[in-house]
N, C-alpha and C. Protein backbone atom coordinates (compact mmCIF):
# COMPACT_ATOMS: atom_id res chain seq x y z
N MET A 1 9.23 25.79 23.93
CA MET A 1 8.01 26.05 23.29
C MET A 1 7.94 24.65 22.52
N GLU A 2 6.63 24.44 22.65
CA GLU A 2 6.11 23.07 22.20
C GLU A 2 6.47 22.94 20.48
N ASN A 3 6.95 21.86 20.30
CA ASN A 3 7.20 21.77 18.76
C ASN A 3 5.93 20.73 17.96
N ILE A 4 5.32 21.72 17.31
CA ILE A 4 3.94 21.11 16.75
C ILE A 4 4.41 20.47 15.59
N PRO A 5 3.89 19.13 15.30
CA PRO A 5 4.31 18.96 13.98
C PRO A 5 3.29 19.43 12.87
N THR A 6 3.87 19.38 11.79
CA THR A 6 3.25 20.13 10.71
C THR A 6 2.57 19.13 9.55
N MET A 7 3.28 17.81 9.69
CA MET A 7 3.05 16.75 8.59
C MET A 7 2.60 15.32 9.75
N LYS A 8 1.06 14.77 9.15
CA LYS A 8 0.76 13.61 9.61
C LYS A 8 2.14 12.78 9.45
N SER A 9 2.68 11.55 10.48
CA SER A 9 3.41 10.72 9.94
C SER A 9 2.96 9.73 9.27
N TRP A 10 3.57 8.97 8.53
CA TRP A 10 3.29 7.64 7.64
C TRP A 10 3.87 6.60 8.22
N LEU A 11 3.20 5.58 8.13
CA LEU A 11 3.52 4.07 8.45
C LEU A 11 3.28 3.34 7.38
N ILE A 12 4.60 2.72 6.55
CA ILE A 12 4.49 1.90 5.50
C ILE A 12 4.97 0.35 5.55
N PHE A 13 4.10 -0.35 5.13
CA PHE A 13 4.20 -1.89 5.33
C PHE A 13 4.74 -2.40 4.11
N GLY A 14 5.62 -2.63 3.41
CA GLY A 14 6.24 -3.16 2.23
C GLY A 14 7.12 -1.96 1.76
N ALA A 15 7.83 -1.11 2.50
CA ALA A 15 8.80 -0.07 2.05
C ALA A 15 10.00 -0.68 1.64
N GLY A 16 10.20 -1.91 1.84
CA GLY A 16 11.52 -2.30 1.14
C GLY A 16 11.75 -2.08 -0.09
N ARG A 17 10.90 -2.20 -1.16
CA ARG A 17 11.11 -2.36 -2.46
C ARG A 17 9.72 -1.68 -3.14
N GLY A 18 9.75 -1.53 -4.33
CA GLY A 18 8.54 -1.19 -5.20
C GLY A 18 7.74 0.25 -4.89
N VAL A 19 6.49 -0.09 -4.79
CA VAL A 19 5.69 0.92 -4.42
C VAL A 19 5.87 1.83 -2.96
N GLY A 20 5.98 0.64 -2.10
CA GLY A 20 6.39 1.37 -0.76
C GLY A 20 7.55 1.96 -0.55
N ARG A 21 8.70 1.49 -1.43
CA ARG A 21 9.70 2.37 -1.42
C ARG A 21 9.72 3.67 -1.86
N HIS A 22 9.03 3.82 -3.12
CA HIS A 22 8.72 5.09 -3.72
C HIS A 22 8.12 5.91 -2.69
N LEU A 23 6.90 5.43 -2.09
CA LEU A 23 6.32 6.24 -0.89
C LEU A 23 7.23 6.40 0.25
N ALA A 24 8.12 5.70 0.72
CA ALA A 24 9.00 6.30 1.70
C ALA A 24 9.90 7.27 1.26
N THR A 25 10.28 7.12 0.08
CA THR A 25 11.34 8.36 -0.60
C THR A 25 10.60 9.50 -0.59
N MET A 26 9.50 9.35 -0.89
CA MET A 26 8.63 10.89 -1.00
C MET A 26 8.55 11.34 0.43
N ALA A 27 8.37 10.46 1.31
CA ALA A 27 7.93 10.90 2.59
C ALA A 27 9.32 11.72 3.34
N LEU A 28 10.20 10.98 2.91
CA LEU A 28 11.71 11.61 3.44
C LEU A 28 11.79 13.05 2.74
N GLN A 29 11.71 12.87 1.62
CA GLN A 29 11.88 14.32 0.65
C GLN A 29 11.18 15.32 1.22
N GLN A 30 10.05 14.96 1.82
CA GLN A 30 9.13 16.03 2.43
C GLN A 30 9.60 16.47 3.77
N ASN A 31 10.55 15.75 4.23
CA ASN A 31 10.91 15.79 5.63
C ASN A 31 9.67 15.25 6.68
N ARG A 32 8.86 14.24 5.91
CA ARG A 32 7.70 14.01 6.76
C ARG A 32 8.00 12.72 7.65
N PRO A 33 7.90 12.62 8.81
CA PRO A 33 8.15 11.60 9.75
C PRO A 33 7.54 9.98 9.05
N VAL A 34 8.47 9.15 8.88
CA VAL A 34 8.01 7.90 8.30
C VAL A 34 8.60 6.67 9.15
N THR A 35 7.93 5.49 9.52
CA THR A 35 8.14 4.60 10.10
C THR A 35 7.95 3.25 9.02
N ALA A 36 8.77 2.37 9.04
CA ALA A 36 8.75 1.17 7.85
C ALA A 36 9.10 -0.04 8.74
N LEU A 37 8.23 -1.08 8.34
CA LEU A 37 8.70 -2.38 9.04
C LEU A 37 9.05 -3.18 7.52
N VAL A 38 10.19 -3.41 7.59
CA VAL A 38 11.14 -4.06 6.76
C VAL A 38 11.59 -5.41 6.94
N ARG A 39 11.59 -6.67 6.21
CA ARG A 39 12.13 -7.80 6.70
C ARG A 39 13.50 -8.22 6.05
N ASN A 40 13.75 -7.36 4.98
CA ASN A 40 15.09 -7.61 4.26
C ASN A 40 15.92 -6.96 4.94
N VAL A 41 17.08 -7.31 5.43
CA VAL A 41 18.13 -6.72 6.23
C VAL A 41 18.79 -5.51 5.45
N GLN A 42 19.29 -5.78 4.32
CA GLN A 42 19.61 -4.79 3.24
C GLN A 42 18.95 -3.46 3.19
N GLN A 43 17.72 -3.98 2.56
CA GLN A 43 16.66 -2.87 2.41
C GLN A 43 16.40 -2.18 3.67
N ALA A 44 16.41 -2.64 4.93
CA ALA A 44 16.08 -1.90 6.07
C ALA A 44 17.39 -0.95 6.57
N VAL A 45 18.51 -1.68 6.32
CA VAL A 45 19.68 -0.60 6.51
C VAL A 45 19.65 0.58 5.62
N GLU A 46 19.06 0.29 4.07
CA GLU A 46 19.22 1.36 3.15
C GLU A 46 18.10 2.32 3.80
N LEU A 47 16.90 2.02 4.08
CA LEU A 47 15.80 2.88 4.31
C LEU A 47 16.31 3.76 5.64
N SER A 48 17.21 2.94 6.52
CA SER A 48 17.74 3.74 7.92
C SER A 48 18.56 4.74 7.63
N THR A 49 19.52 4.51 6.62
CA THR A 49 20.66 5.30 6.16
C THR A 49 19.85 6.88 5.76
N MET A 50 18.74 6.32 4.95
CA MET A 50 18.15 7.59 4.12
C MET A 50 17.27 8.41 5.30
N GLY A 51 17.01 7.99 6.38
CA GLY A 51 16.35 8.71 7.73
C GLY A 51 15.02 8.24 7.93
N ALA A 52 14.56 7.06 7.70
CA ALA A 52 13.39 6.48 8.05
C ALA A 52 13.67 5.79 9.44
N ASN A 53 12.51 5.69 10.23
CA ASN A 53 12.48 5.01 11.51
C ASN A 53 12.01 3.59 11.02
N VAL A 54 13.08 2.78 11.01
CA VAL A 54 13.01 1.37 10.23
C VAL A 54 12.95 0.16 11.53
N ILE A 55 11.80 -0.67 11.49
CA ILE A 55 11.65 -1.68 12.42
C ILE A 55 11.89 -3.06 11.63
N HIS A 56 12.85 -3.71 11.98
CA HIS A 56 13.45 -4.97 11.16
C HIS A 56 12.37 -5.95 11.69
N GLY A 57 11.53 -6.49 10.74
CA GLY A 57 10.77 -7.70 11.17
C GLY A 57 9.60 -7.90 10.13
N ASP A 58 8.82 -8.85 10.37
CA ASP A 58 8.13 -9.40 9.31
C ASP A 58 6.62 -9.14 9.46
N ALA A 59 5.90 -8.59 8.21
CA ALA A 59 4.65 -8.11 8.24
C ALA A 59 3.48 -8.95 8.51
N CYS A 60 3.92 -10.36 8.80
CA CYS A 60 2.86 -11.58 9.05
C CYS A 60 2.94 -11.58 10.92
N ASP A 61 4.07 -10.97 11.32
CA ASP A 61 4.38 -11.05 12.70
C ASP A 61 3.78 -9.92 13.66
N LYS A 62 2.64 -10.45 14.47
CA LYS A 62 2.12 -9.47 15.34
C LYS A 62 3.01 -8.57 16.07
N LYS A 63 4.08 -9.16 16.72
CA LYS A 63 5.14 -8.57 17.88
C LYS A 63 5.48 -7.27 16.84
N SER A 64 6.25 -7.69 15.57
CA SER A 64 6.62 -6.85 14.62
C SER A 64 5.60 -5.68 14.50
N ILE A 65 4.53 -5.87 13.93
CA ILE A 65 3.46 -5.14 13.63
C ILE A 65 3.21 -4.23 14.76
N GLY A 66 3.09 -4.55 15.83
CA GLY A 66 2.65 -3.73 17.00
C GLY A 66 3.68 -2.93 17.54
N LYS A 67 5.04 -3.22 17.23
CA LYS A 67 6.28 -2.34 17.45
C LYS A 67 6.15 -1.31 16.54
N ALA A 68 5.80 -1.69 15.36
CA ALA A 68 5.96 -0.50 14.16
C ALA A 68 4.60 0.62 14.36
N VAL A 69 3.51 0.05 14.86
CA VAL A 69 2.34 0.96 15.16
C VAL A 69 2.57 1.89 16.48
N ALA A 70 3.41 1.12 17.34
CA ALA A 70 3.85 1.88 18.51
C ALA A 70 4.62 3.02 18.28
N GLN A 71 5.71 2.75 17.49
CA GLN A 71 6.38 3.82 17.03
C GLN A 71 6.25 4.89 16.24
N ALA A 72 5.06 4.47 15.49
CA ALA A 72 5.06 5.56 14.07
C ALA A 72 4.14 6.87 14.64
N GLY A 73 3.97 7.11 15.92
CA GLY A 73 3.48 8.31 16.32
C GLY A 73 1.92 8.50 16.28
N GLU A 74 1.21 9.47 16.76
CA GLU A 74 -0.03 9.53 17.16
C GLU A 74 -0.83 9.38 16.04
N ASN A 75 -1.90 8.39 15.64
CA ASN A 75 -2.69 8.13 14.42
C ASN A 75 -1.89 8.55 13.39
N PRO A 76 -1.04 7.70 12.76
CA PRO A 76 -0.24 7.87 11.48
C PRO A 76 -1.39 7.47 10.22
N ILE A 77 -0.67 7.99 9.09
CA ILE A 77 -1.41 7.39 7.84
C ILE A 77 -0.67 6.04 7.54
N VAL A 78 -1.34 5.07 7.39
CA VAL A 78 -0.88 3.97 7.33
C VAL A 78 -0.89 3.34 5.63
N PHE A 79 -0.16 2.97 4.96
CA PHE A 79 0.00 2.31 3.77
C PHE A 79 0.42 0.57 3.95
N SER A 80 -0.34 -0.29 3.30
CA SER A 80 0.17 -1.57 3.27
C SER A 80 0.37 -1.93 1.54
N THR A 81 1.49 -2.23 1.06
CA THR A 81 1.87 -2.52 -0.27
C THR A 81 2.52 -4.01 -0.20
N ILE A 82 1.99 -4.65 0.97
CA ILE A 82 2.77 -6.10 1.14
C ILE A 82 2.17 -7.14 0.29
N GLY A 83 2.66 -8.11 -0.30
CA GLY A 83 2.25 -9.10 -1.14
C GLY A 83 3.00 -10.28 -1.15
N GLY A 84 2.42 -11.49 -1.22
CA GLY A 84 3.20 -12.57 -1.60
C GLY A 84 2.94 -13.50 -0.63
N GLY A 85 2.58 -14.82 -0.78
CA GLY A 85 2.61 -15.96 0.25
C GLY A 85 1.42 -15.30 1.14
N ASP A 86 1.82 -15.62 2.44
CA ASP A 86 0.79 -15.40 3.65
C ASP A 86 0.49 -13.58 3.56
N ALA A 87 1.45 -12.90 3.23
CA ALA A 87 1.22 -11.46 3.41
C ALA A 87 -0.02 -10.98 2.74
N ASP A 88 -0.45 -11.63 1.71
CA ASP A 88 -1.51 -10.96 0.74
C ASP A 88 -2.85 -11.03 1.88
N HIS A 89 -2.96 -12.13 2.47
CA HIS A 89 -4.39 -12.10 3.38
C HIS A 89 -4.01 -11.99 4.90
N HIS A 90 -3.14 -13.18 5.32
CA HIS A 90 -2.92 -12.89 7.04
C HIS A 90 -1.92 -11.78 7.27
N GLY A 91 -1.13 -11.32 6.75
CA GLY A 91 -0.19 -10.23 6.93
C GLY A 91 -1.12 -8.84 7.06
N ASN A 92 -1.92 -8.64 6.04
CA ASN A 92 -3.04 -7.46 6.02
C ASN A 92 -4.16 -7.62 7.09
N MET A 93 -4.33 -8.83 7.41
CA MET A 93 -5.26 -8.96 8.53
C MET A 93 -4.80 -8.79 9.83
N ALA A 94 -3.64 -9.03 9.85
CA ALA A 94 -2.97 -8.78 11.44
C ALA A 94 -2.51 -7.34 11.46
N ILE A 95 -2.29 -6.72 10.24
CA ILE A 95 -1.92 -5.15 10.23
C ILE A 95 -3.25 -4.50 10.83
N ILE A 96 -4.50 -4.83 9.96
CA ILE A 96 -5.63 -4.25 10.21
C ILE A 96 -6.25 -4.36 11.65
N ASN A 97 -5.92 -5.42 12.17
CA ASN A 97 -6.15 -5.94 13.54
C ASN A 97 -5.52 -5.01 14.66
N ALA A 98 -4.30 -4.86 14.34
CA ALA A 98 -3.10 -3.98 15.26
C ALA A 98 -3.73 -2.66 14.93
N LEU A 99 -3.99 -2.01 13.88
CA LEU A 99 -4.62 -0.69 13.72
C LEU A 99 -5.85 -0.39 14.64
N GLU A 100 -6.72 -1.42 14.33
CA GLU A 100 -8.09 -1.03 15.16
C GLU A 100 -7.59 -1.17 16.53
N GLN A 101 -6.91 -1.83 17.35
CA GLN A 101 -6.58 -2.16 18.53
C GLN A 101 -6.01 -0.72 19.01
N ALA A 102 -5.05 -0.16 18.22
CA ALA A 102 -4.37 1.05 18.42
C ALA A 102 -4.85 2.36 18.27
N GLU A 103 -6.22 2.14 17.77
CA GLU A 103 -7.27 3.23 17.47
C GLU A 103 -6.61 3.99 16.39
N VAL A 104 -5.88 3.71 15.38
CA VAL A 104 -5.44 4.40 14.13
C VAL A 104 -6.52 4.27 13.10
N SER A 105 -6.91 5.29 12.41
CA SER A 105 -7.92 5.58 11.70
C SER A 105 -7.81 5.48 10.24
N ARG A 106 -6.61 5.68 9.65
CA ARG A 106 -6.55 5.69 8.21
C ARG A 106 -5.68 4.68 7.59
N MET A 107 -6.29 3.83 6.70
CA MET A 107 -5.07 2.93 5.98
C MET A 107 -5.65 2.98 4.45
N LEU A 108 -4.53 2.93 3.64
CA LEU A 108 -4.57 2.54 2.00
C LEU A 108 -3.76 1.46 2.08
N LEU A 109 -4.82 0.55 1.30
CA LEU A 109 -4.24 -0.90 0.97
C LEU A 109 -4.27 -0.95 -0.60
N VAL A 110 -2.89 -1.64 -0.89
CA VAL A 110 -2.81 -1.70 -2.17
C VAL A 110 -2.83 -3.16 -2.75
N THR A 111 -3.82 -3.64 -3.56
CA THR A 111 -3.94 -4.90 -3.92
C THR A 111 -3.57 -5.10 -5.54
N SER A 112 -4.67 -5.55 -6.17
CA SER A 112 -4.42 -5.33 -7.91
C SER A 112 -5.60 -5.51 -8.38
N ILE A 113 -5.60 -5.00 -9.78
CA ILE A 113 -6.92 -5.20 -10.60
C ILE A 113 -7.24 -7.09 -10.62
N GLY A 114 -8.60 -7.06 -10.72
CA GLY A 114 -8.89 -8.41 -10.76
C GLY A 114 -9.33 -8.88 -9.11
N CYS A 115 -9.12 -7.80 -8.21
CA CYS A 115 -9.48 -8.42 -6.75
C CYS A 115 -11.26 -7.99 -6.68
N GLY A 116 -11.71 -8.81 -5.74
CA GLY A 116 -13.09 -8.47 -5.58
C GLY A 116 -13.89 -8.39 -6.65
N ASP A 117 -14.77 -7.54 -6.75
CA ASP A 117 -16.02 -7.89 -7.96
C ASP A 117 -15.16 -7.32 -9.33
N SER A 118 -13.75 -7.37 -9.59
CA SER A 118 -13.25 -7.38 -10.70
C SER A 118 -12.56 -8.56 -11.22
N TRP A 119 -12.83 -9.71 -10.31
CA TRP A 119 -12.18 -10.88 -10.58
C TRP A 119 -12.94 -11.41 -12.11
N LYS A 120 -14.15 -11.08 -12.41
CA LYS A 120 -14.71 -11.58 -13.51
C LYS A 120 -14.04 -10.78 -15.03
N THR A 121 -13.38 -9.86 -14.67
CA THR A 121 -12.64 -9.11 -15.71
C THR A 121 -11.31 -9.94 -16.21
N LEU A 122 -10.89 -10.69 -15.33
CA LEU A 122 -9.51 -11.27 -15.58
C LEU A 122 -9.57 -12.42 -16.47
N SER A 123 -8.62 -12.55 -17.51
CA SER A 123 -8.62 -13.76 -18.31
C SER A 123 -8.44 -15.03 -17.65
N PRO A 124 -8.63 -16.00 -18.54
CA PRO A 124 -8.28 -17.34 -17.83
C PRO A 124 -6.95 -17.63 -17.59
N ARG A 125 -6.07 -16.96 -18.51
CA ARG A 125 -4.55 -16.99 -18.37
C ARG A 125 -4.13 -16.36 -16.99
N ALA A 126 -4.76 -15.15 -16.82
CA ALA A 126 -4.48 -14.29 -15.85
C ALA A 126 -4.61 -14.99 -14.50
N LYS A 127 -5.87 -15.63 -14.66
CA LYS A 127 -6.46 -16.27 -13.37
C LYS A 127 -5.50 -17.34 -12.83
N SER A 128 -4.88 -17.88 -14.28
CA SER A 128 -4.14 -19.39 -13.94
C SER A 128 -2.62 -19.03 -13.38
N LEU A 129 -2.08 -17.73 -13.70
CA LEU A 129 -0.89 -17.31 -13.39
C LEU A 129 -0.82 -16.68 -11.91
N PHE A 130 -1.63 -15.74 -11.78
CA PHE A 130 -1.89 -14.95 -10.28
C PHE A 130 -3.36 -14.87 -9.52
N GLY A 131 -3.86 -16.08 -10.13
CA GLY A 131 -5.39 -15.73 -9.46
C GLY A 131 -5.35 -16.13 -8.09
N GLN A 132 -4.47 -17.10 -7.51
CA GLN A 132 -4.59 -17.47 -6.08
C GLN A 132 -4.10 -16.40 -5.11
N SER A 133 -3.31 -15.55 -5.56
CA SER A 133 -2.61 -14.21 -4.91
C SER A 133 -3.92 -13.19 -5.15
N VAL A 134 -4.42 -13.03 -6.26
CA VAL A 134 -5.64 -12.16 -6.36
C VAL A 134 -6.74 -12.71 -5.31
N ARG A 135 -7.00 -13.84 -5.25
CA ARG A 135 -7.98 -14.44 -4.45
C ARG A 135 -7.60 -13.92 -2.88
N HIS A 136 -6.38 -14.02 -2.44
CA HIS A 136 -6.04 -13.84 -1.23
C HIS A 136 -6.14 -12.29 -0.86
N LYS A 137 -5.60 -11.43 -1.71
CA LYS A 137 -5.95 -9.86 -1.51
C LYS A 137 -7.14 -9.60 -1.45
N SER A 138 -8.27 -10.43 -2.34
CA SER A 138 -9.45 -10.24 -2.09
C SER A 138 -10.12 -10.25 -0.71
N LEU A 139 -9.75 -11.25 -0.02
CA LEU A 139 -10.05 -11.50 1.29
C LEU A 139 -9.72 -10.40 2.21
N ALA A 140 -8.37 -9.92 2.04
CA ALA A 140 -7.87 -8.69 2.71
C ALA A 140 -8.90 -7.52 2.43
N GLU A 141 -9.12 -7.35 1.43
CA GLU A 141 -10.02 -5.90 0.99
C GLU A 141 -11.45 -6.14 1.51
N SER A 142 -11.81 -7.21 1.86
CA SER A 142 -13.34 -7.46 2.57
C SER A 142 -12.88 -7.22 3.95
N TYR A 143 -11.68 -7.65 4.64
CA TYR A 143 -11.48 -7.69 6.08
C TYR A 143 -11.34 -6.26 6.14
N LEU A 144 -10.70 -5.53 5.45
CA LEU A 144 -10.45 -4.10 5.81
C LEU A 144 -11.93 -3.17 5.43
N GLN A 145 -12.76 -3.58 4.65
CA GLN A 145 -13.78 -2.91 4.44
C GLN A 145 -14.98 -3.22 5.37
N THR A 146 -14.57 -4.26 6.01
CA THR A 146 -15.64 -4.39 7.41
C THR A 146 -15.10 -4.07 8.47
N SER A 147 -14.05 -3.44 8.62
CA SER A 147 -13.16 -2.88 9.71
C SER A 147 -13.61 -1.38 10.17
N LYS A 148 -13.20 -0.99 11.24
CA LYS A 148 -13.61 0.43 11.73
C LYS A 148 -12.81 1.55 10.93
N LEU A 149 -11.84 1.24 10.10
CA LEU A 149 -10.99 1.89 9.50
C LEU A 149 -11.19 3.08 8.50
N ASP A 150 -10.72 4.01 8.41
CA ASP A 150 -11.29 5.08 7.14
C ASP A 150 -10.13 4.21 5.98
N PHE A 151 -10.81 3.75 5.16
CA PHE A 151 -9.83 2.91 4.44
C PHE A 151 -10.19 3.52 2.62
N THR A 152 -9.14 3.25 1.87
CA THR A 152 -8.89 3.38 0.62
C THR A 152 -8.34 2.16 -0.24
N ILE A 153 -8.97 1.47 -1.08
CA ILE A 153 -8.55 0.38 -1.62
C ILE A 153 -8.07 0.61 -3.18
N ILE A 154 -6.79 0.34 -3.38
CA ILE A 154 -6.03 0.79 -4.77
C ILE A 154 -5.64 -0.33 -5.40
N ARG A 155 -6.21 -0.47 -6.64
CA ARG A 155 -5.91 -1.69 -7.38
C ARG A 155 -5.27 -1.38 -8.69
N PRO A 156 -4.04 -1.48 -8.85
CA PRO A 156 -3.04 -1.13 -9.69
C PRO A 156 -2.97 -2.14 -10.87
N GLY A 157 -2.90 -1.61 -12.03
CA GLY A 157 -2.75 -2.60 -13.30
C GLY A 157 -1.47 -3.18 -13.38
N GLY A 158 -1.08 -3.55 -14.47
CA GLY A 158 0.25 -4.32 -14.43
C GLY A 158 1.17 -3.48 -14.03
N LEU A 159 2.11 -3.92 -13.08
CA LEU A 159 3.19 -2.91 -12.56
C LEU A 159 4.51 -2.85 -13.29
N THR A 160 5.09 -1.67 -13.56
CA THR A 160 6.34 -1.75 -14.22
C THR A 160 7.18 -0.81 -13.30
N ASP A 161 8.48 -1.08 -13.46
CA ASP A 161 9.63 0.06 -12.54
C ASP A 161 9.97 1.29 -13.64
N LYS A 162 9.29 1.31 -14.74
CA LYS A 162 9.62 2.46 -15.56
C LYS A 162 9.20 3.81 -14.79
N SER A 163 9.88 5.06 -15.12
CA SER A 163 9.83 6.14 -14.40
C SER A 163 8.26 6.67 -14.40
N GLY A 164 7.71 7.44 -13.42
CA GLY A 164 6.50 7.70 -13.62
C GLY A 164 6.26 8.66 -14.71
N THR A 165 5.09 8.62 -15.36
CA THR A 165 4.58 9.67 -16.41
C THR A 165 3.79 10.79 -15.69
N GLY A 166 3.18 10.53 -14.70
CA GLY A 166 2.30 11.48 -14.27
C GLY A 166 0.81 11.55 -14.69
N HIS A 167 0.70 10.65 -15.49
CA HIS A 167 -0.47 10.54 -16.44
C HIS A 167 -1.46 9.45 -15.97
N CYS A 168 -0.90 8.69 -14.87
CA CYS A 168 -1.81 7.82 -14.14
C CYS A 168 -3.17 8.00 -13.79
N GLN A 169 -4.26 7.44 -14.26
CA GLN A 169 -5.49 7.86 -13.89
C GLN A 169 -6.10 6.81 -12.91
N ARG A 170 -7.32 7.34 -12.13
CA ARG A 170 -8.16 6.48 -11.04
C ARG A 170 -9.26 6.15 -12.18
N TYR A 171 -9.85 4.95 -11.85
CA TYR A 171 -10.90 4.59 -12.46
C TYR A 171 -11.67 3.74 -11.50
N GLN A 172 -13.10 3.97 -11.57
CA GLN A 172 -14.30 2.87 -10.81
C GLN A 172 -14.87 2.15 -11.65
N GLY A 173 -14.58 0.91 -12.01
CA GLY A 173 -15.19 0.32 -12.95
C GLY A 173 -14.05 -0.50 -13.73
N GLU A 174 -14.55 -1.30 -14.79
CA GLU A 174 -13.75 -2.34 -15.46
C GLU A 174 -12.97 -1.61 -16.28
N VAL A 175 -11.24 -1.90 -15.94
CA VAL A 175 -10.20 -1.23 -16.86
C VAL A 175 -9.11 -2.17 -16.69
N HIS A 176 -8.38 -2.15 -17.76
CA HIS A 176 -7.10 -3.12 -17.80
C HIS A 176 -5.97 -2.08 -18.31
N GLY A 177 -4.67 -2.63 -17.79
CA GLY A 177 -3.54 -1.83 -18.34
C GLY A 177 -2.47 -1.56 -17.52
N MET A 178 -1.33 -0.74 -17.64
CA MET A 178 -0.01 -0.91 -16.96
C MET A 178 -0.03 0.48 -16.28
N VAL A 179 0.83 0.31 -15.38
CA VAL A 179 1.21 1.77 -14.53
C VAL A 179 2.38 1.40 -14.06
N SER A 180 3.22 2.53 -13.84
CA SER A 180 4.65 2.45 -13.08
C SER A 180 4.19 2.57 -11.51
N ARG A 181 5.12 1.71 -10.71
CA ARG A 181 5.22 1.93 -9.37
C ARG A 181 5.19 3.34 -8.81
N GLU A 182 6.15 4.01 -9.48
CA GLU A 182 6.39 5.40 -8.96
C GLU A 182 5.07 6.03 -9.17
N ASP A 183 4.19 6.11 -10.08
CA ASP A 183 2.95 6.86 -10.20
C ASP A 183 1.93 6.16 -9.36
N VAL A 184 2.03 4.99 -8.96
CA VAL A 184 1.01 4.44 -7.82
C VAL A 184 1.25 5.19 -6.56
N ALA A 185 2.55 5.13 -6.29
CA ALA A 185 2.87 5.98 -4.92
C ALA A 185 2.61 7.14 -4.79
N GLN A 186 2.78 8.03 -5.98
CA GLN A 186 2.20 9.44 -6.09
C GLN A 186 0.94 9.55 -5.84
N GLN A 187 0.03 8.69 -6.24
CA GLN A 187 -1.42 8.46 -6.17
C GLN A 187 -1.67 8.40 -4.82
N LEU A 188 -0.90 7.43 -4.07
CA LEU A 188 -1.48 7.13 -2.75
C LEU A 188 -1.00 8.31 -2.00
N ALA A 189 0.03 9.09 -2.26
CA ALA A 189 0.38 10.23 -1.56
C ALA A 189 -0.53 11.25 -1.59
N LEU A 190 -1.38 11.58 -2.82
CA LEU A 190 -2.21 12.35 -3.00
C LEU A 190 -3.47 12.04 -2.36
N MET A 191 -3.80 10.66 -2.26
CA MET A 191 -4.96 10.31 -1.65
C MET A 191 -5.00 10.35 0.10
N ALA A 192 -3.91 10.31 0.27
CA ALA A 192 -3.58 10.06 1.87
C ALA A 192 -4.48 10.69 2.81
N GLU A 193 -4.77 12.07 2.64
CA GLU A 193 -5.51 12.86 3.76
C GLU A 193 -6.70 13.40 2.91
N ASP A 194 -7.10 12.82 1.64
CA ASP A 194 -8.36 13.31 0.92
C ASP A 194 -9.40 12.74 1.28
N LYS A 195 -10.28 13.08 2.04
CA LYS A 195 -11.59 12.44 2.48
C LYS A 195 -12.34 11.87 1.44
N GLU A 196 -12.47 12.61 0.40
CA GLU A 196 -13.14 12.12 -0.76
C GLU A 196 -12.82 11.00 -1.14
N THR A 197 -11.62 10.30 -1.09
CA THR A 197 -11.16 9.01 -1.30
C THR A 197 -11.70 7.95 -0.28
N TYR A 198 -12.11 8.18 0.81
CA TYR A 198 -12.38 7.52 1.82
C TYR A 198 -13.60 6.32 1.49
N TYR A 199 -13.49 5.21 1.93
CA TYR A 199 -14.30 4.13 1.41
C TYR A 199 -14.51 3.83 0.23
N GLN A 200 -13.47 4.34 -0.72
CA GLN A 200 -13.61 4.09 -2.09
C GLN A 200 -12.41 3.07 -2.46
N ILE A 201 -12.87 2.29 -3.98
CA ILE A 201 -11.61 1.31 -4.33
C ILE A 201 -11.74 1.91 -5.90
N TYR A 202 -10.20 2.36 -6.21
CA TYR A 202 -9.88 2.68 -7.37
C TYR A 202 -8.94 1.88 -8.14
N ALA A 203 -9.25 1.63 -9.41
CA ALA A 203 -8.45 0.91 -10.21
C ALA A 203 -7.17 2.03 -10.88
N LEU A 204 -6.02 1.95 -10.75
CA LEU A 204 -4.95 2.70 -11.44
C LEU A 204 -4.36 2.30 -12.58
N VAL A 205 -4.38 2.90 -13.40
CA VAL A 205 -4.01 2.57 -14.98
C VAL A 205 -3.46 3.72 -15.91
N ASP A 206 -2.10 3.72 -16.51
CA ASP A 206 -1.66 4.69 -17.20
C ASP A 206 -2.26 4.69 -18.76
N PRO A 207 -2.99 5.31 -19.17
CA PRO A 207 -3.46 5.03 -20.72
C PRO A 207 -2.16 5.05 -21.52
N GLU A 208 -1.13 5.74 -21.24
CA GLU A 208 -0.19 6.02 -21.98
C GLU A 208 0.98 4.60 -22.43
N LEU A 209 0.65 3.78 -21.24
CA LEU A 209 1.59 2.67 -21.27
C LEU A 209 0.81 1.48 -21.81
N LYS A 210 1.51 0.63 -22.74
CA LYS A 210 1.13 -0.31 -23.38
C LYS A 210 1.43 -1.43 -22.63
N PRO A 211 0.14 -2.44 -22.75
CA PRO A 211 0.31 -3.61 -21.92
C PRO A 211 0.81 -4.61 -22.62
N HIS A 212 1.39 -5.53 -21.95
CA HIS A 212 2.01 -6.58 -22.35
C HIS A 212 1.40 -7.80 -23.00
N TRP A 213 0.10 -7.84 -22.66
CA TRP A 213 -1.15 -8.57 -23.31
C TRP A 213 -1.94 -8.14 -24.22
N GLY A 214 -2.65 -9.06 -24.87
CA GLY A 214 -3.69 -8.37 -25.77
C GLY A 214 -3.25 -8.20 -26.99
């Protein structure tokens, strides 16, 4: 008798730590098939031990990305939480290209508040501290928006490793604040197969968390 999968598989870029790691943990807790491309050897071993299908490689390397997409099953839901250096722009572009080529349809991209049309809301200090990264993430957003993929773009506020409160809110418009990485992952999971979130951009902030600045 054919074994029909009950849950769509997830493919996570950036699962080694942070939001991506929380996502991978959630998938494994649900007994959901999850594939992860991880560069750090120790993080790769940890995720593999937990039960994830781990490809050890770099999210900027086309061969590694192609291998991850090929092993993730038919039309997986794809999350990218990668960032830093070339990953912000070129890594995400390479992922988007690979997904289009493989005819994968769904991608959720995590960037940050300040990207795209929210750039003007950043303070001069914020622009000087992490503006270059925000600009590269904005390029990735634009590339995804002009792709064939059913996308959702998520712009978290200032990220913290505090436990999730469950009070994270989605906003469409100008907003600033803090949010836990665990709550961002929870929101990503909720949006994964929600067609009402397709082609939308959301800022994520927890009104109960006090910002570091201001």
